[in-house]
Amino acid sequence: MALLERSESYGELQRVVDYLFKDAQFVERLDVVLAAETFDICADLREIVDLLPPGSYTRIALCAQLNSSIAGHAWGYVYGTVE
């Protein structure tokens, strides 16, 4: 059994979330997708962003949704979760 290692992309999604909520209380799914493209996040994390349902999100709601998808893929250790 191979040991899991943290990816070089660890924490990329946290930077996206921090950027989005720097001056906003709510963001739309499109805002998240565009920010992810701007930050050029890795393909696995892009998949997590693409799984977001359409809608408006508070920071707490967005983090819950993203963390749920990250946990579902068992990528929390590899890429980190968001807060």
N, C-alpha and C. Protein backbone atom coordinates (compact mmCIF):
# COMPACT_ATOMS: atom_id res chain seq x y z
N MET A 1 0.84 -1.18 0.00
CA MET A 1 0.00 0.00 0.00
C MET A 1 0.89 1.25 0.00
N ALA A 2 0.65 2.13 -0.92
CA ALA A 2 1.45 3.35 -1.04
C ALA A 2 1.00 4.40 -0.04
N LEU A 3 1.95 5.15 0.44
CA LEU A 3 1.63 6.25 1.34
C LEU A 3 1.16 7.45 0.53
N LEU A 4 0.14 8.11 1.02
CA LEU A 4 -0.35 9.31 0.35
C LEU A 4 0.59 10.47 0.64
N GLU A 5 0.82 11.26 -0.36
CA GLU A 5 1.62 12.47 -0.19
C GLU A 5 0.77 13.67 -0.55
N ARG A 6 1.05 14.77 0.07
CA ARG A 6 0.35 16.00 -0.28
C ARG A 6 0.80 16.46 -1.65
N SER A 7 -0.15 16.93 -2.41
CA SER A 7 0.12 17.40 -3.76
C SER A 7 0.79 18.77 -3.73
N GLU A 8 1.48 19.09 -4.80
CA GLU A 8 2.01 20.45 -4.95
C GLU A 8 0.87 21.45 -5.02
N SER A 9 -0.32 20.96 -5.35
CA SER A 9 -1.50 21.82 -5.46
C SER A 9 -2.24 21.97 -4.14
N TYR A 10 -1.67 21.44 -3.05
CA TYR A 10 -2.30 21.53 -1.74
C TYR A 10 -2.56 23.00 -1.40
N GLY A 11 -3.79 23.31 -1.04
CA GLY A 11 -4.15 24.67 -0.63
C GLY A 11 -4.58 25.59 -1.75
N GLU A 12 -4.53 25.12 -3.00
CA GLU A 12 -4.93 25.98 -4.13
C GLU A 12 -6.38 26.44 -4.01
N LEU A 13 -7.24 25.53 -3.63
CA LEU A 13 -8.66 25.88 -3.54
C LEU A 13 -8.91 26.88 -2.41
N GLN A 14 -8.12 26.81 -1.35
CA GLN A 14 -8.25 27.78 -0.26
C GLN A 14 -7.92 29.18 -0.75
N ARG A 15 -6.91 29.30 -1.59
CA ARG A 15 -6.56 30.61 -2.16
C ARG A 15 -7.71 31.16 -2.99
N VAL A 16 -8.39 30.29 -3.72
CA VAL A 16 -9.54 30.72 -4.53
C VAL A 16 -10.65 31.23 -3.61
N VAL A 17 -10.96 30.49 -2.56
CA VAL A 17 -12.02 30.90 -1.62
C VAL A 17 -11.65 32.22 -0.94
N ASP A 18 -10.43 32.35 -0.49
CA ASP A 18 -9.99 33.60 0.15
C ASP A 18 -10.14 34.78 -0.80
N TYR A 19 -9.76 34.59 -2.05
CA TYR A 19 -9.88 35.64 -3.07
C TYR A 19 -11.35 36.03 -3.28
N LEU A 20 -12.21 35.03 -3.40
CA LEU A 20 -13.63 35.30 -3.67
C LEU A 20 -14.30 36.09 -2.55
N PHE A 21 -13.94 35.80 -1.32
CA PHE A 21 -14.63 36.42 -0.19
C PHE A 21 -13.82 37.55 0.45
N LYS A 22 -12.85 38.06 -0.29
CA LYS A 22 -12.08 39.19 0.22
C LYS A 22 -12.98 40.40 0.48
N ASP A 23 -13.89 40.67 -0.46
CA ASP A 23 -14.78 41.82 -0.33
C ASP A 23 -16.25 41.47 -0.53
N ALA A 24 -16.59 40.19 -0.59
CA ALA A 24 -17.97 39.79 -0.89
C ALA A 24 -18.53 38.90 0.21
N GLN A 25 -19.85 38.99 0.39
CA GLN A 25 -20.53 38.10 1.33
C GLN A 25 -21.18 36.93 0.62
N PHE A 26 -21.46 37.11 -0.67
CA PHE A 26 -22.08 36.07 -1.49
C PHE A 26 -21.33 35.99 -2.82
N VAL A 27 -21.22 34.78 -3.35
CA VAL A 27 -20.66 34.59 -4.69
C VAL A 27 -21.56 33.64 -5.46
N GLU A 28 -21.53 33.77 -6.76
CA GLU A 28 -22.27 32.86 -7.64
C GLU A 28 -21.35 31.74 -8.10
N ARG A 29 -21.94 30.65 -8.56
CA ARG A 29 -21.14 29.53 -9.08
C ARG A 29 -20.19 30.02 -10.17
N LEU A 30 -20.68 30.87 -11.05
CA LEU A 30 -19.85 31.38 -12.14
C LEU A 30 -18.61 32.11 -11.60
N ASP A 31 -18.77 32.85 -10.51
CA ASP A 31 -17.63 33.53 -9.89
C ASP A 31 -16.56 32.51 -9.47
N VAL A 32 -17.02 31.40 -8.91
CA VAL A 32 -16.09 30.37 -8.44
C VAL A 32 -15.36 29.74 -9.63
N VAL A 33 -16.11 29.43 -10.68
CA VAL A 33 -15.51 28.82 -11.88
C VAL A 33 -14.47 29.76 -12.49
N LEU A 34 -14.82 31.03 -12.63
CA LEU A 34 -13.89 31.99 -13.22
C LEU A 34 -12.64 32.20 -12.35
N ALA A 35 -12.82 32.23 -11.04
CA ALA A 35 -11.67 32.38 -10.15
C ALA A 35 -10.76 31.15 -10.23
N ALA A 36 -11.36 29.97 -10.31
CA ALA A 36 -10.57 28.74 -10.44
C ALA A 36 -9.76 28.75 -11.72
N GLU A 37 -10.37 29.24 -12.80
CA GLU A 37 -9.64 29.35 -14.08
C GLU A 37 -8.53 30.39 -13.97
N THR A 38 -8.80 31.49 -13.32
CA THR A 38 -7.81 32.55 -13.16
C THR A 38 -6.60 32.06 -12.37
N PHE A 39 -6.86 31.29 -11.31
CA PHE A 39 -5.78 30.75 -10.49
C PHE A 39 -5.15 29.50 -11.09
N ASP A 40 -5.71 29.03 -12.20
CA ASP A 40 -5.17 27.87 -12.93
C ASP A 40 -4.97 26.67 -12.00
N ILE A 41 -6.04 26.32 -11.27
CA ILE A 41 -5.94 25.19 -10.35
C ILE A 41 -5.83 23.88 -11.12
N CYS A 42 -5.34 22.85 -10.46
CA CYS A 42 -5.11 21.56 -11.11
C CYS A 42 -6.43 20.92 -11.55
N ALA A 43 -6.34 19.94 -12.43
CA ALA A 43 -7.52 19.31 -13.02
C ALA A 43 -8.42 18.65 -11.98
N ASP A 44 -7.84 18.01 -10.97
CA ASP A 44 -8.66 17.37 -9.94
C ASP A 44 -9.49 18.40 -9.18
N LEU A 45 -8.88 19.51 -8.82
CA LEU A 45 -9.63 20.54 -8.10
C LEU A 45 -10.62 21.24 -9.02
N ARG A 46 -10.29 21.34 -10.28
CA ARG A 46 -11.22 21.91 -11.25
C ARG A 46 -12.48 21.03 -11.32
N GLU A 47 -12.28 19.72 -11.22
CA GLU A 47 -13.41 18.80 -11.20
C GLU A 47 -14.32 19.08 -10.00
N ILE A 48 -13.72 19.37 -8.85
CA ILE A 48 -14.49 19.70 -7.65
C ILE A 48 -15.32 20.96 -7.88
N VAL A 49 -14.71 21.97 -8.47
CA VAL A 49 -15.41 23.22 -8.77
C VAL A 49 -16.54 22.98 -9.77
N ASP A 50 -16.29 22.15 -10.77
CA ASP A 50 -17.30 21.87 -11.78
C ASP A 50 -18.51 21.13 -11.21
N LEU A 51 -18.35 20.47 -10.07
CA LEU A 51 -19.46 19.76 -9.43
C LEU A 51 -20.40 20.69 -8.67
N LEU A 52 -20.01 21.94 -8.49
CA LEU A 52 -20.87 22.88 -7.75
C LEU A 52 -22.20 23.07 -8.47
N PRO A 53 -23.31 22.92 -7.76
CA PRO A 53 -24.60 23.23 -8.38
C PRO A 53 -24.76 24.74 -8.56
N PRO A 54 -25.54 25.15 -9.54
CA PRO A 54 -25.78 26.59 -9.73
C PRO A 54 -26.39 27.20 -8.47
N GLY A 55 -26.04 28.44 -8.22
CA GLY A 55 -26.62 29.12 -7.08
C GLY A 55 -25.71 30.19 -6.52
N SER A 56 -26.20 30.80 -5.46
CA SER A 56 -25.47 31.84 -4.74
C SER A 56 -25.00 31.23 -3.42
N TYR A 57 -23.77 31.53 -3.03
CA TYR A 57 -23.17 30.90 -1.86
C TYR A 57 -22.58 31.92 -0.89
N THR A 58 -22.81 31.68 0.39
CA THR A 58 -22.04 32.36 1.43
C THR A 58 -20.73 31.59 1.55
N ARG A 59 -19.78 32.13 2.26
CA ARG A 59 -18.51 31.42 2.44
C ARG A 59 -18.74 30.06 3.10
N ILE A 60 -19.57 30.03 4.13
CA ILE A 60 -19.84 28.78 4.85
C ILE A 60 -20.48 27.75 3.93
N ALA A 61 -21.46 28.17 3.15
CA ALA A 61 -22.15 27.24 2.25
C ALA A 61 -21.22 26.74 1.15
N LEU A 62 -20.41 27.63 0.60
CA LEU A 62 -19.47 27.22 -0.46
C LEU A 62 -18.45 26.23 0.10
N CYS A 63 -17.90 26.53 1.25
CA CYS A 63 -16.91 25.63 1.85
C CYS A 63 -17.52 24.26 2.15
N ALA A 64 -18.74 24.25 2.65
CA ALA A 64 -19.41 22.98 2.94
C ALA A 64 -19.59 22.16 1.66
N GLN A 65 -20.01 22.82 0.60
CA GLN A 65 -20.22 22.14 -0.67
C GLN A 65 -18.90 21.61 -1.24
N LEU A 66 -17.86 22.45 -1.25
CA LEU A 66 -16.56 22.03 -1.77
C LEU A 66 -15.97 20.91 -0.92
N ASN A 67 -16.04 21.05 0.39
CA ASN A 67 -15.48 20.02 1.28
C ASN A 67 -16.21 18.70 1.15
N SER A 68 -17.50 18.75 0.90
CA SER A 68 -18.26 17.52 0.68
C SER A 68 -17.75 16.78 -0.55
N SER A 69 -17.51 17.51 -1.61
CA SER A 69 -16.99 16.90 -2.84
C SER A 69 -15.56 16.40 -2.64
N ILE A 70 -14.75 17.18 -1.94
CA ILE A 70 -13.37 16.76 -1.66
C ILE A 70 -13.37 15.47 -0.85
N ALA A 71 -14.21 15.41 0.17
CA ALA A 71 -14.30 14.21 1.01
C ALA A 71 -14.82 13.02 0.21
N GLY A 72 -15.78 13.26 -0.66
CA GLY A 72 -16.33 12.19 -1.49
C GLY A 72 -15.29 11.57 -2.41
N HIS A 73 -14.31 12.35 -2.80
CA HIS A 73 -13.22 11.85 -3.64
C HIS A 73 -12.03 11.36 -2.79
N ALA A 74 -12.12 11.53 -1.48
CA ALA A 74 -11.04 11.16 -0.55
C ALA A 74 -9.75 11.92 -0.87
N TRP A 75 -9.89 13.21 -1.19
CA TRP A 75 -8.75 14.05 -1.55
C TRP A 75 -8.38 15.05 -0.47
N GLY A 76 -9.00 14.97 0.69
CA GLY A 76 -8.73 15.95 1.74
C GLY A 76 -7.28 16.03 2.15
N TYR A 77 -6.62 14.88 2.30
CA TYR A 77 -5.22 14.90 2.70
C TYR A 77 -4.32 15.38 1.56
N VAL A 78 -4.68 15.00 0.34
CA VAL A 78 -3.84 15.31 -0.82
C VAL A 78 -3.92 16.79 -1.19
N TYR A 79 -5.14 17.35 -1.22
CA TYR A 79 -5.33 18.73 -1.67
C TYR A 79 -5.74 19.70 -0.57
N GLY A 80 -6.16 19.19 0.57
CA GLY A 80 -6.62 20.04 1.66
C GLY A 80 -8.09 20.39 1.52
N THR A 81 -8.67 20.83 2.61
CA THR A 81 -10.05 21.29 2.60
C THR A 81 -10.05 22.81 2.68
N VAL A 82 -11.23 23.39 2.61
CA VAL A 82 -11.33 24.85 2.63
C VAL A 82 -12.13 25.31 3.84
N GLU A 83 -11.87 26.54 4.27
CA GLU A 83 -12.62 27.11 5.39
C GLU A 83 -12.89 28.57 5.14
